[in-house]
C-alpha cells in the first residue's frame, strides 16, 4: 500500500478488504472502460456481490497486457496467467489459441458500478445511450488498441 501511496488505517482486516474501500484513479477507470469496450470483461462471480475485471490476449499482445496490468496495480492480484494452446469460441467461431495470457482484478464496488453501465441484466455487454459521457482520448486509445487496426490504402487511413 505504501509503495502506491494509498492511504491506510491500522486494521486487522485483509489487504483485499482495504483495497475494496480504496478508489480507483480516474486513469484506471478510463482504462477499465476502454477495455470493456474492447477485449476486457467484467463479471460478478456466482457467489459474489461485486464485479471483477479480467482480460486475455495472445502472446503477440503480452507486452500490452502487462502494461494494462501495471496500470491497474494494486487492484490486480498476481502476474499474468499463461494458458497453453486451447480451443476457444471467439465471436461464435471455433478457434485454436496458442499461448494466451490473462490477468484479473480483485472484486470491487467501483467495478460493479461500471458493470451496471456496460452490461445488461443477463451479463451481456451493451453500449449505453450516454456513451459519449464516458469517452475521452485515453478511453478511445485503449478501445482502439484492443479492437482496432489501422490500414493504409491508396493514401488514406
N, C-alpha and C. Protein backbone atom coordinates (compact mmCIF):
# COMPACT_ATOMS: atom_id res chain seq x y z
N UNK A 1 0.83 -1.18 0.00
CA UNK A 1 0.00 0.00 0.00
C UNK A 1 0.89 1.26 0.00
N UNK A 2 1.96 1.24 0.80
CA UNK A 2 2.84 2.41 0.82
C UNK A 2 3.49 2.65 -0.53
N UNK A 3 3.87 1.55 -1.20
CA UNK A 3 4.53 1.65 -2.50
C UNK A 3 3.69 2.45 -3.49
N UNK A 4 2.38 2.31 -3.43
CA UNK A 4 1.49 3.01 -4.36
C UNK A 4 0.84 4.24 -3.74
N UNK A 5 1.33 4.64 -2.56
CA UNK A 5 0.86 5.85 -1.87
C UNK A 5 -0.64 5.83 -1.64
N UNK A 6 -1.13 4.66 -1.23
CA UNK A 6 -2.55 4.52 -0.91
C UNK A 6 -2.70 4.68 0.59
N UNK A 7 -3.49 5.66 1.03
CA UNK A 7 -3.65 5.86 2.47
C UNK A 7 -4.33 4.65 3.12
N UNK A 8 -3.83 4.30 4.28
CA UNK A 8 -4.39 3.17 5.02
C UNK A 8 -4.65 3.58 6.46
N UNK A 9 -5.37 2.75 7.14
CA UNK A 9 -5.58 2.94 8.57
C UNK A 9 -5.19 1.63 9.24
N UNK A 10 -4.74 1.68 10.47
CA UNK A 10 -4.41 0.43 11.15
C UNK A 10 -5.64 -0.48 11.17
N UNK A 11 -5.43 -1.73 10.81
CA UNK A 11 -6.55 -2.63 10.70
C UNK A 11 -6.10 -4.07 10.84
N UNK A 12 -7.00 -4.91 11.30
CA UNK A 12 -6.75 -6.34 11.34
C UNK A 12 -7.37 -7.01 10.13
N UNK A 13 -7.98 -6.21 9.24
CA UNK A 13 -8.63 -6.74 8.06
C UNK A 13 -7.59 -7.08 6.99
N UNK A 14 -7.98 -7.92 6.05
CA UNK A 14 -7.05 -8.30 4.99
C UNK A 14 -6.79 -7.12 4.06
N UNK A 15 -5.69 -7.20 3.34
CA UNK A 15 -5.35 -6.15 2.39
C UNK A 15 -6.43 -6.01 1.32
N UNK A 16 -7.05 -7.14 0.93
CA UNK A 16 -8.08 -7.06 -0.11
C UNK A 16 -9.32 -6.34 0.38
N UNK A 17 -9.65 -6.48 1.65
CA UNK A 17 -10.79 -5.74 2.20
C UNK A 17 -10.49 -4.25 2.16
N UNK A 18 -9.28 -3.87 2.52
CA UNK A 18 -8.91 -2.46 2.48
C UNK A 18 -8.87 -1.93 1.06
N UNK A 19 -8.40 -2.75 0.12
CA UNK A 19 -8.38 -2.31 -1.28
C UNK A 19 -9.79 -2.08 -1.81
N UNK A 20 -10.75 -2.85 -1.34
CA UNK A 20 -12.13 -2.67 -1.79
C UNK A 20 -12.72 -1.34 -1.30
N UNK A 21 -12.08 -0.75 -0.31
CA UNK A 21 -12.52 0.56 0.18
C UNK A 21 -11.68 1.68 -0.42
N UNK A 22 -10.71 1.34 -1.25
CA UNK A 22 -9.84 2.31 -1.91
C UNK A 22 -10.38 2.55 -3.31
N UNK A 23 -10.42 3.80 -3.72
CA UNK A 23 -10.98 4.13 -5.03
C UNK A 23 -9.94 3.97 -6.13
N UNK A 24 -10.41 3.59 -7.31
CA UNK A 24 -9.58 3.58 -8.50
C UNK A 24 -9.29 5.02 -8.90
N UNK A 25 -8.15 5.27 -9.53
CA UNK A 25 -7.86 6.60 -10.05
C UNK A 25 -8.70 6.81 -11.32
N UNK A 26 -8.82 8.05 -11.76
CA UNK A 26 -9.55 8.36 -13.00
C UNK A 26 -8.91 7.63 -14.17
N UNK A 27 -7.59 7.59 -14.19
CA UNK A 27 -6.85 6.91 -15.26
C UNK A 27 -7.17 5.41 -15.28
N UNK A 28 -7.25 4.80 -14.11
CA UNK A 28 -7.59 3.38 -14.01
C UNK A 28 -9.02 3.12 -14.46
N UNK A 29 -9.94 3.99 -14.09
CA UNK A 29 -11.34 3.86 -14.51
C UNK A 29 -11.44 3.96 -16.03
N UNK A 30 -10.71 4.93 -16.61
CA UNK A 30 -10.72 5.08 -18.06
C UNK A 30 -10.14 3.85 -18.75
N UNK A 31 -9.11 3.26 -18.18
CA UNK A 31 -8.53 2.04 -18.74
C UNK A 31 -9.55 0.91 -18.71
N UNK A 32 -10.28 0.77 -17.61
CA UNK A 32 -11.31 -0.27 -17.49
C UNK A 32 -12.41 -0.04 -18.54
N UNK A 33 -12.88 1.19 -18.68
CA UNK A 33 -13.95 1.49 -19.64
C UNK A 33 -13.49 1.19 -21.06
N UNK A 34 -12.30 1.66 -21.44
CA UNK A 34 -11.78 1.39 -22.77
C UNK A 34 -11.62 -0.11 -23.01
N UNK A 35 -11.20 -0.82 -21.98
CA UNK A 35 -11.01 -2.27 -22.09
C UNK A 35 -12.34 -2.99 -22.20
N UNK A 36 -13.33 -2.56 -21.44
CA UNK A 36 -14.66 -3.19 -21.51
C UNK A 36 -15.27 -2.97 -22.89
N UNK A 37 -15.04 -1.82 -23.47
CA UNK A 37 -15.50 -1.58 -24.84
C UNK A 37 -14.74 -2.46 -25.83
N UNK A 38 -13.53 -2.85 -25.46
CA UNK A 38 -12.71 -3.70 -26.30
C UNK A 38 -12.72 -5.15 -25.84
N UNK A 39 -11.54 -5.66 -25.48
CA UNK A 39 -11.37 -7.08 -25.18
C UNK A 39 -11.55 -7.45 -23.72
N UNK A 40 -11.59 -6.49 -22.83
CA UNK A 40 -11.72 -6.79 -21.41
C UNK A 40 -13.14 -7.15 -21.04
N UNK A 41 -13.30 -7.71 -19.84
CA UNK A 41 -14.65 -8.04 -19.39
C UNK A 41 -14.77 -7.87 -17.88
N UNK A 42 -15.97 -7.59 -17.49
CA UNK A 42 -16.33 -7.54 -16.07
C UNK A 42 -17.31 -8.67 -15.82
N UNK A 43 -17.23 -9.24 -14.65
CA UNK A 43 -18.21 -10.26 -14.28
C UNK A 43 -18.38 -10.25 -12.77
N UNK A 44 -19.55 -10.65 -12.36
CA UNK A 44 -19.83 -10.81 -10.93
C UNK A 44 -19.80 -12.31 -10.66
N UNK A 45 -18.87 -12.75 -9.81
CA UNK A 45 -18.79 -14.20 -9.53
C UNK A 45 -20.11 -14.75 -9.01
N UNK A 46 -20.33 -16.02 -9.26
CA UNK A 46 -21.59 -16.68 -8.91
C UNK A 46 -22.03 -16.41 -7.47
N UNK A 47 -21.11 -16.49 -6.55
CA UNK A 47 -21.46 -16.27 -5.14
C UNK A 47 -21.04 -14.89 -4.65
N UNK A 48 -20.73 -13.99 -5.57
CA UNK A 48 -20.24 -12.68 -5.20
C UNK A 48 -21.28 -11.59 -5.36
N UNK A 49 -20.92 -10.41 -4.89
CA UNK A 49 -21.80 -9.25 -5.00
C UNK A 49 -21.16 -8.13 -5.81
N UNK A 50 -19.83 -8.17 -5.94
CA UNK A 50 -19.13 -7.10 -6.65
C UNK A 50 -18.38 -7.68 -7.84
N UNK A 51 -18.22 -6.84 -8.86
CA UNK A 51 -17.61 -7.27 -10.12
C UNK A 51 -16.10 -7.30 -10.03
N UNK A 52 -15.52 -8.11 -10.91
CA UNK A 52 -14.07 -8.16 -11.09
C UNK A 52 -13.78 -7.98 -12.57
N UNK A 53 -12.59 -7.47 -12.88
CA UNK A 53 -12.18 -7.22 -14.26
C UNK A 53 -11.19 -8.30 -14.69
N UNK A 54 -11.30 -8.75 -15.94
CA UNK A 54 -10.30 -9.67 -16.47
C UNK A 54 -10.09 -9.39 -17.95
N UNK A 55 -8.92 -9.81 -18.42
CA UNK A 55 -8.62 -9.65 -19.84
C UNK A 55 -7.64 -10.72 -20.26
N UNK A 56 -7.75 -11.14 -21.51
CA UNK A 56 -6.89 -12.17 -22.07
C UNK A 56 -6.44 -11.73 -23.45
N UNK A 57 -5.15 -11.97 -23.74
CA UNK A 57 -4.60 -11.66 -25.06
C UNK A 57 -3.65 -12.76 -25.50
N UNK A 58 -3.36 -12.77 -26.77
CA UNK A 58 -2.40 -13.73 -27.32
C UNK A 58 -0.98 -13.34 -26.91
N UNK A 59 -0.07 -14.23 -27.19
CA UNK A 59 1.34 -13.98 -26.85
C UNK A 59 1.87 -12.73 -27.55
N UNK A 60 1.38 -12.46 -28.77
CA UNK A 60 1.83 -11.27 -29.51
C UNK A 60 1.47 -9.98 -28.77
N UNK A 61 0.42 -10.02 -27.95
CA UNK A 61 -0.03 -8.82 -27.24
C UNK A 61 0.34 -8.85 -25.74
N UNK A 62 1.28 -9.72 -25.39
CA UNK A 62 1.65 -9.88 -23.97
C UNK A 62 2.14 -8.56 -23.36
N UNK A 63 3.00 -7.83 -24.06
CA UNK A 63 3.53 -6.57 -23.52
C UNK A 63 2.41 -5.56 -23.27
N UNK A 64 1.44 -5.52 -24.16
CA UNK A 64 0.29 -4.63 -23.99
C UNK A 64 -0.52 -5.02 -22.75
N UNK A 65 -0.71 -6.31 -22.56
CA UNK A 65 -1.44 -6.80 -21.39
C UNK A 65 -0.67 -6.49 -20.10
N UNK A 66 0.65 -6.62 -20.14
CA UNK A 66 1.47 -6.28 -18.97
C UNK A 66 1.34 -4.80 -18.65
N UNK A 67 1.30 -3.96 -19.67
CA UNK A 67 1.11 -2.52 -19.46
C UNK A 67 -0.20 -2.24 -18.74
N UNK A 68 -1.27 -2.91 -19.18
CA UNK A 68 -2.57 -2.73 -18.53
C UNK A 68 -2.52 -3.21 -17.09
N UNK A 69 -1.96 -4.40 -16.89
CA UNK A 69 -1.85 -4.94 -15.54
C UNK A 69 -1.11 -3.97 -14.62
N UNK A 70 -0.01 -3.42 -15.10
CA UNK A 70 0.79 -2.49 -14.29
C UNK A 70 0.00 -1.23 -13.94
N UNK A 71 -0.81 -0.73 -14.89
CA UNK A 71 -1.61 0.46 -14.61
C UNK A 71 -2.71 0.18 -13.57
N UNK A 72 -3.13 -1.05 -13.48
CA UNK A 72 -4.21 -1.39 -12.54
C UNK A 72 -3.72 -1.85 -11.17
N UNK A 73 -2.41 -1.88 -10.97
CA UNK A 73 -1.90 -2.24 -9.65
C UNK A 73 -2.31 -1.16 -8.68
N UNK A 74 -2.64 -1.45 -7.47
CA UNK A 74 -2.54 -2.70 -6.72
C UNK A 74 -3.81 -3.54 -6.75
N UNK A 75 -4.73 -3.25 -7.67
CA UNK A 75 -6.02 -3.96 -7.70
C UNK A 75 -5.94 -5.30 -8.44
N UNK A 76 -4.79 -5.59 -9.01
CA UNK A 76 -4.57 -6.85 -9.71
C UNK A 76 -3.85 -7.80 -8.76
N UNK A 77 -4.38 -9.01 -8.64
CA UNK A 77 -3.87 -9.96 -7.66
C UNK A 77 -2.49 -10.52 -7.96
N UNK A 78 -2.18 -10.79 -9.22
CA UNK A 78 -0.96 -11.53 -9.50
C UNK A 78 -0.38 -11.18 -10.86
N UNK A 79 0.71 -11.88 -11.18
CA UNK A 79 1.30 -11.75 -12.50
C UNK A 79 0.37 -12.36 -13.54
N UNK A 80 0.75 -12.24 -14.79
CA UNK A 80 -0.05 -12.81 -15.86
C UNK A 80 -0.12 -14.32 -15.71
N UNK A 81 -1.28 -14.85 -16.05
CA UNK A 81 -1.51 -16.28 -16.05
C UNK A 81 -1.35 -16.76 -17.49
N UNK A 82 -0.50 -17.76 -17.70
CA UNK A 82 -0.26 -18.28 -19.05
C UNK A 82 -1.13 -19.51 -19.28
N UNK A 83 -1.77 -19.54 -20.44
CA UNK A 83 -2.60 -20.67 -20.83
C UNK A 83 -2.01 -21.25 -22.12
N UNK A 84 -1.73 -22.53 -22.10
CA UNK A 84 -1.17 -23.19 -23.27
C UNK A 84 -2.23 -23.27 -24.37
N UNK A 85 -1.87 -23.84 -25.50
CA UNK A 85 -2.78 -23.99 -26.64
C UNK A 85 -4.12 -24.55 -26.18
N UNK A 86 -5.19 -23.89 -26.64
CA UNK A 86 -6.53 -24.28 -26.19
C UNK A 86 -7.56 -23.87 -27.24
N UNK A 87 -8.63 -24.61 -27.33
CA UNK A 87 -9.75 -24.25 -28.20
C UNK A 87 -10.60 -23.20 -27.50
N UNK A 88 -11.00 -22.18 -28.24
CA UNK A 88 -11.86 -21.11 -27.73
C UNK A 88 -12.93 -20.82 -28.77
N UNK A 89 -13.99 -20.21 -28.32
CA UNK A 89 -15.00 -19.68 -29.23
C UNK A 89 -14.86 -18.17 -29.19
N UNK A 90 -14.52 -17.57 -30.32
CA UNK A 90 -14.35 -16.13 -30.42
C UNK A 90 -15.34 -15.63 -31.47
N UNK A 91 -16.26 -14.77 -31.06
CA UNK A 91 -17.30 -14.25 -31.95
C UNK A 91 -18.01 -15.38 -32.68
N UNK A 92 -18.40 -16.40 -31.93
CA UNK A 92 -19.15 -17.56 -32.43
C UNK A 92 -18.37 -18.44 -33.39
N UNK A 93 -17.05 -18.30 -33.43
CA UNK A 93 -16.21 -19.10 -34.32
C UNK A 93 -15.25 -19.93 -33.46
N UNK A 94 -15.18 -21.23 -33.72
CA UNK A 94 -14.23 -22.09 -33.01
C UNK A 94 -12.82 -21.76 -33.48
N UNK A 95 -11.92 -21.49 -32.51
CA UNK A 95 -10.55 -21.11 -32.83
C UNK A 95 -9.60 -21.88 -31.92
N UNK A 96 -8.36 -22.04 -32.37
CA UNK A 96 -7.31 -22.58 -31.53
C UNK A 96 -6.39 -21.42 -31.20
N UNK A 97 -6.19 -21.15 -29.93
CA UNK A 97 -5.35 -20.04 -29.50
C UNK A 97 -4.11 -20.60 -28.83
N UNK A 98 -2.94 -20.21 -29.33
CA UNK A 98 -1.67 -20.64 -28.75
C UNK A 98 -1.21 -19.64 -27.71
N UNK A 99 -0.82 -20.14 -26.57
CA UNK A 99 -0.17 -19.35 -25.52
C UNK A 99 -0.82 -17.99 -25.29
N UNK A 100 -1.95 -18.00 -24.66
CA UNK A 100 -2.59 -16.74 -24.29
C UNK A 100 -2.21 -16.39 -22.86
N UNK A 101 -2.37 -15.12 -22.53
CA UNK A 101 -2.06 -14.61 -21.20
C UNK A 101 -3.27 -13.84 -20.69
N UNK A 102 -3.46 -13.89 -19.39
CA UNK A 102 -4.59 -13.18 -18.80
C UNK A 102 -4.24 -12.69 -17.41
N UNK A 103 -5.06 -11.79 -16.91
CA UNK A 103 -5.00 -11.37 -15.52
C UNK A 103 -6.40 -11.02 -15.08
N UNK A 104 -6.57 -10.90 -13.78
CA UNK A 104 -7.86 -10.46 -13.25
C UNK A 104 -7.62 -9.60 -12.01
N UNK A 105 -8.59 -8.77 -11.75
CA UNK A 105 -8.51 -7.88 -10.59
C UNK A 105 -9.22 -8.51 -9.41
N UNK A 106 -9.13 -7.84 -8.30
CA UNK A 106 -9.96 -8.21 -7.16
C UNK A 106 -11.38 -7.73 -7.45
N UNK A 107 -12.35 -8.23 -6.75
CA UNK A 107 -13.72 -7.71 -6.83
C UNK A 107 -13.74 -6.35 -6.15
N UNK A 108 -14.51 -5.43 -6.70
CA UNK A 108 -14.51 -4.06 -6.17
C UNK A 108 -15.83 -3.37 -6.49
N UNK A 109 -16.38 -2.60 -5.55
CA UNK A 109 -17.65 -1.89 -5.79
C UNK A 109 -17.61 -0.95 -7.00
N UNK A 110 -16.46 -0.30 -7.26
CA UNK A 110 -16.36 0.60 -8.41
C UNK A 110 -16.51 -0.19 -9.72
N UNK A 111 -15.99 -1.40 -9.75
CA UNK A 111 -16.14 -2.23 -10.94
C UNK A 111 -17.60 -2.64 -11.13
N UNK A 112 -18.31 -2.80 -10.04
CA UNK A 112 -19.74 -3.12 -10.12
C UNK A 112 -20.51 -1.94 -10.72
N UNK A 113 -20.13 -0.72 -10.36
CA UNK A 113 -20.77 0.46 -10.95
C UNK A 113 -20.56 0.49 -12.46
N UNK A 114 -19.34 0.21 -12.91
CA UNK A 114 -19.05 0.18 -14.34
C UNK A 114 -19.81 -0.97 -15.00
N UNK A 115 -19.85 -2.11 -14.34
CA UNK A 115 -20.59 -3.27 -14.84
C UNK A 115 -22.05 -2.90 -15.08
N UNK A 116 -22.67 -2.19 -14.16
CA UNK A 116 -24.08 -1.82 -14.29
C UNK A 116 -24.34 -0.87 -15.45
N UNK A 117 -23.31 -0.18 -15.90
CA UNK A 117 -23.45 0.74 -17.04
C UNK A 117 -23.28 -0.01 -18.37
N UNK A 118 -22.32 -0.94 -18.42
CA UNK A 118 -21.93 -1.56 -19.69
C UNK A 118 -22.42 -3.00 -19.87
N UNK A 119 -23.26 -3.49 -18.97
CA UNK A 119 -23.80 -4.85 -19.10
C UNK A 119 -25.30 -4.82 -18.82
N UNK A 120 -26.03 -5.70 -19.52
CA UNK A 120 -27.47 -5.81 -19.26
C UNK A 120 -27.69 -6.78 -18.10
N UNK A 121 -28.93 -7.04 -17.76
CA UNK A 121 -29.26 -7.91 -16.63
C UNK A 121 -28.83 -9.36 -16.81
N UNK A 122 -28.49 -9.75 -18.04
CA UNK A 122 -28.07 -11.13 -18.31
C UNK A 122 -26.55 -11.27 -18.43
N UNK A 123 -25.81 -10.21 -18.16
CA UNK A 123 -24.36 -10.27 -18.23
C UNK A 123 -23.79 -10.07 -19.63
N UNK A 124 -24.61 -9.55 -20.55
CA UNK A 124 -24.15 -9.26 -21.91
C UNK A 124 -23.69 -7.82 -22.01
N UNK A 125 -22.58 -7.58 -22.73
CA UNK A 125 -22.10 -6.22 -22.93
C UNK A 125 -23.12 -5.42 -23.74
N UNK A 126 -23.26 -4.16 -23.35
CA UNK A 126 -24.13 -3.24 -24.09
C UNK A 126 -23.39 -1.92 -24.29
N UNK A 127 -23.85 -1.14 -25.21
CA UNK A 127 -23.35 0.23 -25.39
C UNK A 127 -24.41 1.15 -24.80
N UNK A 128 -24.08 1.86 -23.72
CA UNK A 128 -25.10 2.73 -23.10
C UNK A 128 -25.45 3.90 -24.01
N UNK A 129 -26.67 4.40 -23.88
CA UNK A 129 -27.12 5.54 -24.69
C UNK A 129 -26.27 6.78 -24.46
N UNK A 130 -25.71 6.92 -23.26
CA UNK A 130 -24.90 8.09 -22.94
C UNK A 130 -23.40 7.79 -23.03
N UNK A 131 -23.01 6.92 -23.96
CA UNK A 131 -21.62 6.51 -24.10
C UNK A 131 -20.67 7.69 -24.19
N UNK A 132 -21.09 8.75 -24.87
CA UNK A 132 -20.22 9.91 -25.05
C UNK A 132 -19.77 10.52 -23.73
N UNK A 133 -20.51 10.31 -22.66
CA UNK A 133 -20.12 10.84 -21.35
C UNK A 133 -18.92 10.11 -20.76
N UNK A 134 -18.64 8.92 -21.26
CA UNK A 134 -17.55 8.10 -20.72
C UNK A 134 -16.31 8.12 -21.61
N UNK A 135 -16.41 8.74 -22.77
CA UNK A 135 -15.31 8.73 -23.72
C UNK A 135 -14.37 9.90 -23.53
N UNK A 136 -13.10 9.64 -23.68
CA UNK A 136 -12.06 10.66 -23.76
C UNK A 136 -10.94 10.05 -24.61
N UNK A 137 -9.88 10.79 -24.85
CA UNK A 137 -8.81 10.30 -25.73
C UNK A 137 -8.20 8.98 -25.23
N UNK A 138 -8.02 8.85 -23.92
CA UNK A 138 -7.40 7.64 -23.38
C UNK A 138 -8.33 6.44 -23.52
N UNK A 139 -9.61 6.61 -23.21
CA UNK A 139 -10.59 5.53 -23.37
C UNK A 139 -10.61 5.08 -24.82
N UNK A 140 -10.67 6.02 -25.75
CA UNK A 140 -10.70 5.68 -27.17
C UNK A 140 -9.42 4.97 -27.61
N UNK A 141 -8.27 5.42 -27.09
CA UNK A 141 -7.00 4.78 -27.46
C UNK A 141 -6.96 3.33 -26.98
N UNK A 142 -7.42 3.07 -25.76
CA UNK A 142 -7.44 1.70 -25.24
C UNK A 142 -8.41 0.85 -26.06
N UNK A 143 -9.57 1.38 -26.33
CA UNK A 143 -10.57 0.65 -27.13
C UNK A 143 -9.98 0.31 -28.50
N UNK A 144 -9.35 1.29 -29.13
CA UNK A 144 -8.74 1.08 -30.44
C UNK A 144 -7.63 0.03 -30.37
N UNK A 145 -6.79 0.10 -29.36
CA UNK A 145 -5.68 -0.86 -29.23
C UNK A 145 -6.22 -2.27 -29.01
N UNK A 146 -7.35 -2.40 -28.35
CA UNK A 146 -7.95 -3.73 -28.14
C UNK A 146 -8.56 -4.27 -29.43
N UNK A 147 -9.34 -3.46 -30.11
CA UNK A 147 -10.17 -3.96 -31.20
C UNK A 147 -9.84 -3.40 -32.57
N UNK A 148 -9.08 -2.35 -32.64
CA UNK A 148 -8.91 -1.67 -33.92
C UNK A 148 -7.70 -2.12 -34.69
N UNK A 149 -7.65 -1.62 -35.88
CA UNK A 149 -6.46 -1.79 -36.70
C UNK A 149 -6.40 -0.60 -37.64
N UNK A 150 -5.21 -0.30 -38.08
CA UNK A 150 -5.02 0.84 -38.97
C UNK A 150 -4.50 0.30 -40.29
N UNK A 151 -5.21 0.61 -41.35
CA UNK A 151 -4.81 0.12 -42.66
C UNK A 151 -4.59 1.31 -43.58
N UNK A 152 -3.53 1.26 -44.37
CA UNK A 152 -3.21 2.31 -45.32
C UNK A 152 -3.59 1.81 -46.70
N UNK A 153 -4.53 2.51 -47.34
CA UNK A 153 -4.95 2.12 -48.68
C UNK A 153 -5.05 3.39 -49.55
N UNK A 154 -4.36 3.38 -50.65
CA UNK A 154 -4.45 4.47 -51.62
C UNK A 154 -4.29 5.84 -50.99
N UNK A 155 -3.35 5.97 -50.07
CA UNK A 155 -3.09 7.26 -49.45
C UNK A 155 -4.02 7.65 -48.34
N UNK A 156 -4.93 6.76 -47.91
CA UNK A 156 -5.90 7.07 -46.84
C UNK A 156 -5.80 6.02 -45.73
N UNK A 157 -6.11 6.46 -44.54
CA UNK A 157 -6.19 5.51 -43.42
C UNK A 157 -7.57 4.91 -43.39
